[in-house]
Amino acid sequence: MQTTHTTQAGPAPHDLADGVARFRREVFPAKADLFARLAEVHRPTTLFIGCSDARVVPELITQSEPGELFVVRTAGNLVPAHAPGADGVAASIEYAVAVLGVTGIVVCGHSACGAMTALAEGADLSAAASVAGWLRHADASVARTAGVTGPGRLSALVRENVRAQLANLATHPSVARARAAGTLTLHGWVYDIRSGGVTDVGPAPAG
């Protein structure tokens, strides 16, 4: 028996070129003076480390203007602990702290995080070796929530993962020096996609 597969049409993908044109026509003119200043000066006040999830938009959540946030996005908002060798995340952290002089760092997790869901459910990642390797940076988060079962496991893991990544962040020399000098504070947030709420889950442990 022949089986016919049908594909249900979904919404057309957003046309990025149209978006650029609309930005130039409707948004840029109203902020032309701001962009003129930003063309000469780059002085963000906060490093925002968030998840790569398309539903989490740091500037939208915080209602920040261009130039205010230095943003790093990684799958699962993971921050590898400091280690020898070149690392894109480490380089961005060091640049933000040591060169740009940010005074605050936010690590922001979120509800329904795909990375944390995979860990909470013990998903088979054998076909995604790079993803599996990257998620090892959340081993401490998984260990901290080992005794949590049921529907609350994912939210507990999201929360504890933010705290674990703050601890990893504190191992970076530039961060440690700035904290010791009293010029940098760390914050942990969890953003709820459905409600729009943001919960402060506390700063990184001292030390």
C-alpha atoms as a PDB file:
ATOM      1  CA  MET A   1       0.000   0.000   0.000  1.00  0.00           C
ATOM      2  CA  GLN A   2       1.359   3.371  -0.962  1.00  0.00           C
ATOM      3  CA  THR A   3       1.446   6.004   1.729  1.00  0.00           C
ATOM      4  CA  THR A   4       1.123   9.622   0.787  1.00  0.00           C
ATOM      5  CA  HIS A   5       2.897  12.134   3.001  1.00  0.00           C
ATOM      6  CA  THR A   6       1.525  15.632   3.154  1.00  0.00           C
ATOM      7  CA  THR A   7       3.285  18.651   4.526  1.00  0.00           C
ATOM      8  CA  GLN A   8       1.219  21.259   6.262  1.00  0.00           C
ATOM      9  CA  ALA A   9       2.195  24.744   5.212  1.00  0.00           C
ATOM     10  CA  GLY A  10       3.383  26.947   8.040  1.00  0.00           C
ATOM     11  CA  PRO A  11       4.014  30.662   8.243  1.00  0.00           C
ATOM     12  CA  ALA A  12       6.515  32.055   5.778  1.00  0.00           C
ATOM     13  CA  PRO A  13       9.997  32.566   7.238  1.00  0.00           C
ATOM     14  CA  HIS A  14      10.830  36.085   8.291  1.00  0.00           C
ATOM     15  CA  ASP A  15      12.577  37.883   5.455  1.00  0.00           C
ATOM     16  CA  LEU A  16      15.720  39.331   6.995  1.00  0.00           C
ATOM     17  CA  ALA A  17      16.322  41.706   4.091  1.00  0.00           C
ATOM     18  CA  ASP A  18      12.864  43.191   4.599  1.00  0.00           C
ATOM     19  CA  GLY A  19      13.677  43.561   8.278  1.00  0.00           C
ATOM     20  CA  VAL A  20      16.885  45.444   7.497  1.00  0.00           C
ATOM     21  CA  ALA A  21      15.026  47.734   5.140  1.00  0.00           C
ATOM     22  CA  ARG A  22      12.374  48.438   7.775  1.00  0.00           C
ATOM     23  CA  PHE A  23      15.101  49.136  10.353  1.00  0.00           C
ATOM     24  CA  ARG A  24      16.761  51.673   8.062  1.00  0.00           C
ATOM     25  CA  ARG A  25      13.422  53.266   7.182  1.00  0.00           C
ATOM     26  CA  GLU A  26      11.526  53.260  10.496  1.00  0.00           C
ATOM     27  CA  VAL A  27      13.903  52.624  13.412  1.00  0.00           C
ATOM     28  CA  PHE A  28      17.316  54.078  12.565  1.00  0.00           C
ATOM     29  CA  PRO A  29      16.169  57.670  11.872  1.00  0.00           C
ATOM     30  CA  ALA A  30      14.692  57.995  15.372  1.00  0.00           C
ATOM     31  CA  LYS A  31      17.985  56.861  16.933  1.00  0.00           C
ATOM     32  CA  ALA A  32      20.408  58.458  14.486  1.00  0.00           C
ATOM     33  CA  ASP A  33      22.091  60.569  17.191  1.00  0.00           C
ATOM     34  CA  LEU A  34      22.582  57.502  19.396  1.00  0.00           C
ATOM     35  CA  PHE A  35      24.155  55.515  16.567  1.00  0.00           C
ATOM     36  CA  ALA A  36      26.393  58.463  15.686  1.00  0.00           C
ATOM     37  CA  ARG A  37      27.767  58.370  19.257  1.00  0.00           C
ATOM     38  CA  LEU A  38      28.070  54.587  19.219  1.00  0.00           C
ATOM     39  CA  ALA A  39      30.112  54.783  16.020  1.00  0.00           C
ATOM     40  CA  GLU A  40      32.818  56.471  18.118  1.00  0.00           C
ATOM     41  CA  VAL A  41      32.350  54.988  21.610  1.00  0.00           C
ATOM     42  CA  HIS A  42      31.772  51.443  22.863  1.00  0.00           C
ATOM     43  CA  ARG A  43      31.176  51.463  26.621  1.00  0.00           C
ATOM     44  CA  PRO A  44      28.606  48.853  27.652  1.00  0.00           C
ATOM     45  CA  THR A  45      27.916  48.643  31.367  1.00  0.00           C
ATOM     46  CA  THR A  46      26.861  45.007  31.599  1.00  0.00           C
ATOM     47  CA  LEU A  47      27.988  41.666  30.208  1.00  0.00           C
ATOM     48  CA  PHE A  48      24.883  39.558  29.617  1.00  0.00           C
ATOM     49  CA  ILE A  49      25.513  35.814  29.250  1.00  0.00           C
ATOM     50  CA  GLY A  50      22.382  34.114  28.011  1.00  0.00           C
ATOM     51  CA  CYS A  51      21.180  31.090  26.112  1.00  0.00           C
ATOM     52  CA  SER A  52      21.295  30.906  22.316  1.00  0.00           C
ATOM     53  CA  ASP A  53      17.557  30.103  22.349  1.00  0.00           C
ATOM     54  CA  ALA A  54      15.803  32.370  19.835  1.00  0.00           C
ATOM     55  CA  ARG A  55      13.025  33.089  22.335  1.00  0.00           C
ATOM     56  CA  VAL A  56      15.406  34.809  24.738  1.00  0.00           C
ATOM     57  CA  VAL A  57      16.326  38.320  23.557  1.00  0.00           C
ATOM     58  CA  PRO A  58      18.468  40.145  26.144  1.00  0.00           C
ATOM     59  CA  GLU A  59      17.856  43.671  24.838  1.00  0.00           C
ATOM     60  CA  LEU A  60      14.100  43.072  24.719  1.00  0.00           C
ATOM     61  CA  ILE A  61      13.889  41.533  28.194  1.00  0.00           C
ATOM     62  CA  THR A  62      15.940  44.316  29.788  1.00  0.00           C
ATOM     63  CA  GLN A  63      14.678  47.091  27.514  1.00  0.00           C
ATOM     64  CA  SER A  64      18.264  48.124  26.868  1.00  0.00           C
ATOM     65  CA  GLU A  65      19.386  50.533  24.191  1.00  0.00           C
ATOM     66  CA  PRO A  66      22.066  49.620  21.643  1.00  0.00           C
ATOM     67  CA  GLY A  67      25.475  49.905  23.249  1.00  0.00           C
ATOM     68  CA  GLU A  68      24.374  49.098  26.797  1.00  0.00           C
ATOM     69  CA  LEU A  69      24.841  45.315  26.818  1.00  0.00           C
ATOM     70  CA  PHE A  70      27.828  43.219  25.789  1.00  0.00           C
ATOM     71  CA  VAL A  71      26.158  39.911  24.949  1.00  0.00           C
ATOM     72  CA  VAL A  72      27.493  36.365  24.933  1.00  0.00           C
ATOM     73  CA  ARG A  73      25.050  33.603  24.016  1.00  0.00           C
ATOM     74  CA  THR A  74      25.775  29.905  24.333  1.00  0.00           C
ATOM     75  CA  ALA A  75      23.649  26.757  24.324  1.00  0.00           C
ATOM     76  CA  GLY A  76      22.329  26.391  27.860  1.00  0.00           C
ATOM     77  CA  ASN A  77      23.964  29.700  28.920  1.00  0.00           C
ATOM     78  CA  LEU A  78      27.002  27.622  29.837  1.00  0.00           C
ATOM     79  CA  VAL A  79      30.272  29.242  30.899  1.00  0.00           C
ATOM     80  CA  PRO A  80      33.295  26.913  30.908  1.00  0.00           C
ATOM     81  CA  ALA A  81      35.509  27.333  33.954  1.00  0.00           C
ATOM     82  CA  HIS A  82      38.809  29.030  33.209  1.00  0.00           C
ATOM     83  CA  ALA A  83      41.350  26.765  31.555  1.00  0.00           C
ATOM     84  CA  PRO A  84      44.583  27.270  29.589  1.00  0.00           C
ATOM     85  CA  GLY A  85      44.255  27.831  25.865  1.00  0.00           C
ATOM     86  CA  ALA A  86      42.168  29.969  23.551  1.00  0.00           C
ATOM     87  CA  ASP A  87      38.416  29.949  24.137  1.00  0.00           C
ATOM     88  CA  GLY A  88      35.843  32.205  22.520  1.00  0.00           C
ATOM     89  CA  VAL A  89      33.690  32.511  25.629  1.00  0.00           C
ATOM     90  CA  ALA A  90      36.701  33.203  27.853  1.00  0.00           C
ATOM     91  CA  ALA A  91      38.021  35.806  25.418  1.00  0.00           C
ATOM     92  CA  SER A  92      34.668  37.601  25.366  1.00  0.00           C
ATOM     93  CA  ILE A  93      34.494  37.621  29.165  1.00  0.00           C
ATOM     94  CA  GLU A  94      38.034  38.953  29.474  1.00  0.00           C
ATOM     95  CA  TYR A  95      37.436  41.638  26.846  1.00  0.00           C
ATOM     96  CA  ALA A  96      34.219  42.791  28.511  1.00  0.00           C
ATOM     97  CA  VAL A  97      35.772  42.978  31.972  1.00  0.00           C
ATOM     98  CA  ALA A  98      39.406  43.938  31.401  1.00  0.00           C
ATOM     99  CA  VAL A  99      39.066  46.131  28.294  1.00  0.00           C
ATOM    100  CA  LEU A 100      35.524  47.504  28.258  1.00  0.00           C
ATOM    101  CA  GLY A 101      35.284  47.740  32.039  1.00  0.00           C
ATOM    102  CA  VAL A 102      31.757  46.419  32.531  1.00  0.00           C
ATOM    103  CA  THR A 103      30.592  46.750  36.123  1.00  0.00           C
ATOM    104  CA  GLY A 104      28.058  43.922  36.126  1.00  0.00           C
ATOM    105  CA  ILE A 105      27.670  40.443  34.677  1.00  0.00           C
ATOM    106  CA  VAL A 106      24.342  38.647  34.391  1.00  0.00           C
ATOM    107  CA  VAL A 107      24.070  34.925  33.703  1.00  0.00           C
ATOM    108  CA  CYS A 108      20.503  34.313  32.573  1.00  0.00           C
ATOM    109  CA  GLY A 109      18.823  30.930  32.236  1.00  0.00           C
ATOM    110  CA  HIS A 110      15.252  30.448  31.080  1.00  0.00           C
ATOM    111  CA  SER A 111      12.206  28.206  31.207  1.00  0.00           C
ATOM    112  CA  ALA A 112      11.785  25.422  28.638  1.00  0.00           C
ATOM    113  CA  CYS A 113      15.530  25.434  27.896  1.00  0.00           C
ATOM    114  CA  GLY A 114      16.318  22.721  25.350  1.00  0.00           C
ATOM    115  CA  ALA A 115      19.782  22.055  26.754  1.00  0.00           C
ATOM    116  CA  MET A 116      18.512  21.667  30.309  1.00  0.00           C
ATOM    117  CA  THR A 117      15.554  19.582  29.125  1.00  0.00           C
ATOM    118  CA  ALA A 118      17.948  17.145  27.440  1.00  0.00           C
ATOM    119  CA  LEU A 119      19.883  16.784  30.694  1.00  0.00           C
ATOM    120  CA  ALA A 120      16.793  16.552  32.877  1.00  0.00           C
ATOM    121  CA  GLU A 121      15.318  13.800  30.697  1.00  0.00           C
ATOM    122  CA  GLY A 122      18.593  11.969  30.062  1.00  0.00           C
ATOM    123  CA  ALA A 123      18.209  12.390  26.302  1.00  0.00           C
ATOM    124  CA  ASP A 124      20.276  10.227  23.969  1.00  0.00           C
ATOM    125  CA  LEU A 125      22.805  12.622  22.439  1.00  0.00           C
ATOM    126  CA  SER A 126      24.914   9.981  20.711  1.00  0.00           C
ATOM    127  CA  ALA A 127      24.095  11.551  17.329  1.00  0.00           C
ATOM    128  CA  ALA A 128      25.086  15.012  18.579  1.00  0.00           C
ATOM    129  CA  ALA A 129      28.580  14.533  19.972  1.00  0.00           C
ATOM    130  CA  SER A 130      29.427  18.232  20.050  1.00  0.00           C
ATOM    131  CA  VAL A 131      26.268  19.017  21.975  1.00  0.00           C
ATOM    132  CA  ALA A 132      26.948  16.203  24.423  1.00  0.00           C
ATOM    133  CA  GLY A 133      30.493  17.410  24.983  1.00  0.00           C
ATOM    134  CA  TRP A 134      29.399  21.000  25.500  1.00  0.00           C
ATOM    135  CA  LEU A 135      26.758  19.996  28.048  1.00  0.00           C
ATOM    136  CA  ARG A 136      29.482  18.509  30.243  1.00  0.00           C
ATOM    137  CA  HIS A 137      29.911  22.076  31.483  1.00  0.00           C
ATOM    138  CA  ALA A 138      26.601  21.512  33.280  1.00  0.00           C
ATOM    139  CA  ASP A 139      27.781  18.404  35.176  1.00  0.00           C
ATOM    140  CA  ALA A 140      27.758  20.284  38.478  1.00  0.00           C
ATOM    141  CA  SER A 141      24.210  21.467  37.804  1.00  0.00           C
ATOM    142  CA  VAL A 142      23.048  17.916  37.175  1.00  0.00           C
ATOM    143  CA  ALA A 143      24.770  16.707  40.331  1.00  0.00           C
ATOM    144  CA  ARG A 144      23.146  19.414  42.444  1.00  0.00           C
ATOM    145  CA  THR A 145      19.665  18.344  41.309  1.00  0.00           C
ATOM    146  CA  ALA A 146      20.201  14.585  41.366  1.00  0.00           C
ATOM    147  CA  GLY A 147      17.627  14.145  44.140  1.00  0.00           C
ATOM    148  CA  VAL A 148      14.895  16.169  42.427  1.00  0.00           C
ATOM    149  CA  THR A 149      12.319  14.171  40.481  1.00  0.00           C
ATOM    150  CA  GLY A 150       9.050  14.853  38.729  1.00  0.00           C
ATOM    151  CA  PRO A 151       7.784  18.021  37.078  1.00  0.00           C
ATOM    152  CA  GLY A 152       9.984  20.266  39.194  1.00  0.00           C
ATOM    153  CA  ARG A 153      13.254  18.755  38.012  1.00  0.00           C
ATOM    154  CA  LEU A 154      13.631  20.951  34.935  1.00  0.00           C
ATOM    155  CA  SER A 155      13.005  24.220  36.763  1.00  0.00           C
ATOM    156  CA  ALA A 156      15.378  23.167  39.539  1.00  0.00           C
ATOM    157  CA  LEU A 157      18.031  22.287  36.988  1.00  0.00           C
ATOM    158  CA  VAL A 158      17.622  25.611  35.170  1.00  0.00           C
ATOM    159  CA  ARG A 159      18.012  27.471  38.453  1.00  0.00           C
ATOM    160  CA  GLU A 160      20.974  25.457  39.729  1.00  0.00           C
ATOM    161  CA  ASN A 161      22.642  25.684  36.340  1.00  0.00           C
ATOM    162  CA  VAL A 162      22.669  29.472  36.551  1.00  0.00           C
ATOM    163  CA  ARG A 163      24.345  29.238  39.955  1.00  0.00           C
ATOM    164  CA  ALA A 164      26.871  26.684  38.696  1.00  0.00           C
ATOM    165  CA  GLN A 165      27.771  28.875  35.710  1.00  0.00           C
ATOM    166  CA  LEU A 166      28.244  31.851  38.015  1.00  0.00           C
ATOM    167  CA  ALA A 167      30.711  29.746  39.975  1.00  0.00           C
ATOM    168  CA  ASN A 168      32.514  28.883  36.715  1.00  0.00           C
ATOM    169  CA  LEU A 169      32.520  32.542  35.741  1.00  0.00           C
ATOM    170  CA  ALA A 170      34.191  33.465  39.034  1.00  0.00           C
ATOM    171  CA  THR A 171      37.212  31.294  38.116  1.00  0.00           C
ATOM    172  CA  HIS A 172      38.192  33.597  35.247  1.00  0.00           C
ATOM    173  CA  PRO A 173      41.172  35.758  36.299  1.00  0.00           C
ATOM    174  CA  SER A 174      39.762  39.017  34.926  1.00  0.00           C
ATOM    175  CA  VAL A 175      36.527  38.430  36.830  1.00  0.00           C
ATOM    176  CA  ALA A 176      38.336  37.472  40.038  1.00  0.00           C
ATOM    177  CA  ARG A 177      40.528  40.587  39.885  1.00  0.00           C
ATOM    178  CA  ALA A 178      37.598  42.927  39.256  1.00  0.00           C
ATOM    179  CA  ARG A 179      35.551  41.387  42.054  1.00  0.00           C
ATOM    180  CA  ALA A 180      38.468  41.677  44.452  1.00  0.00           C
ATOM    181  CA  ALA A 181      38.784  45.352  43.513  1.00  0.00           C
ATOM    182  CA  GLY A 182      35.075  45.874  44.145  1.00  0.00           C
ATOM    183  CA  THR A 183      34.385  47.049  40.595  1.00  0.00           C
ATOM    184  CA  LEU A 184      32.308  44.092  39.386  1.00  0.00           C
ATOM    185  CA  THR A 185      29.174  42.340  40.607  1.00  0.00           C
ATOM    186  CA  LEU A 186      27.681  39.050  39.376  1.00  0.00           C
ATOM    187  CA  HIS A 187      23.990  38.272  39.102  1.00  0.00           C
ATOM    188  CA  GLY A 188      21.998  35.144  38.286  1.00  0.00           C
ATOM    189  CA  TRP A 189      18.603  35.360  36.617  1.00  0.00           C
ATOM    190  CA  VAL A 190      15.974  32.952  35.340  1.00  0.00           C
ATOM    191  CA  TYR A 191      13.598  34.269  32.685  1.00  0.00           C
ATOM    192  CA  ASP A 192      10.136  32.720  32.318  1.00  0.00           C
ATOM    193  CA  ILE A 193       9.075  32.803  28.681  1.00  0.00           C
ATOM    194  CA  ARG A 194       5.344  32.415  29.313  1.00  0.00           C
ATOM    195  CA  SER A 195       4.954  35.122  31.974  1.00  0.00           C
ATOM    196  CA  GLY A 196       7.843  37.414  31.060  1.00  0.00           C
ATOM    197  CA  GLY A 197       8.994  37.335  34.662  1.00  0.00           C
ATOM    198  CA  VAL A 198      12.623  37.369  35.754  1.00  0.00           C
ATOM    199  CA  THR A 199      13.702  35.743  39.033  1.00  0.00           C
ATOM    200  CA  ASP A 200      16.954  36.629  40.751  1.00  0.00           C
ATOM    201  CA  VAL A 201      18.529  33.362  41.902  1.00  0.00           C
ATOM    202  CA  GLY A 202      21.418  34.981  43.711  1.00  0.00           C
ATOM    203  CA  PRO A 203      25.028  35.908  43.075  1.00  0.00           C
ATOM    204  CA  ALA A 204      27.918  33.538  42.549  1.00  0.00           C
ATOM    205  CA  PRO A 205      29.445  32.048  45.688  1.00  0.00           C
ATOM    206  CA  ALA A 206      32.322  34.096  47.030  1.00  0.00           C
ATOM    207  CA  GLY A 207      35.861  32.905  46.516  1.00  0.00           C
END
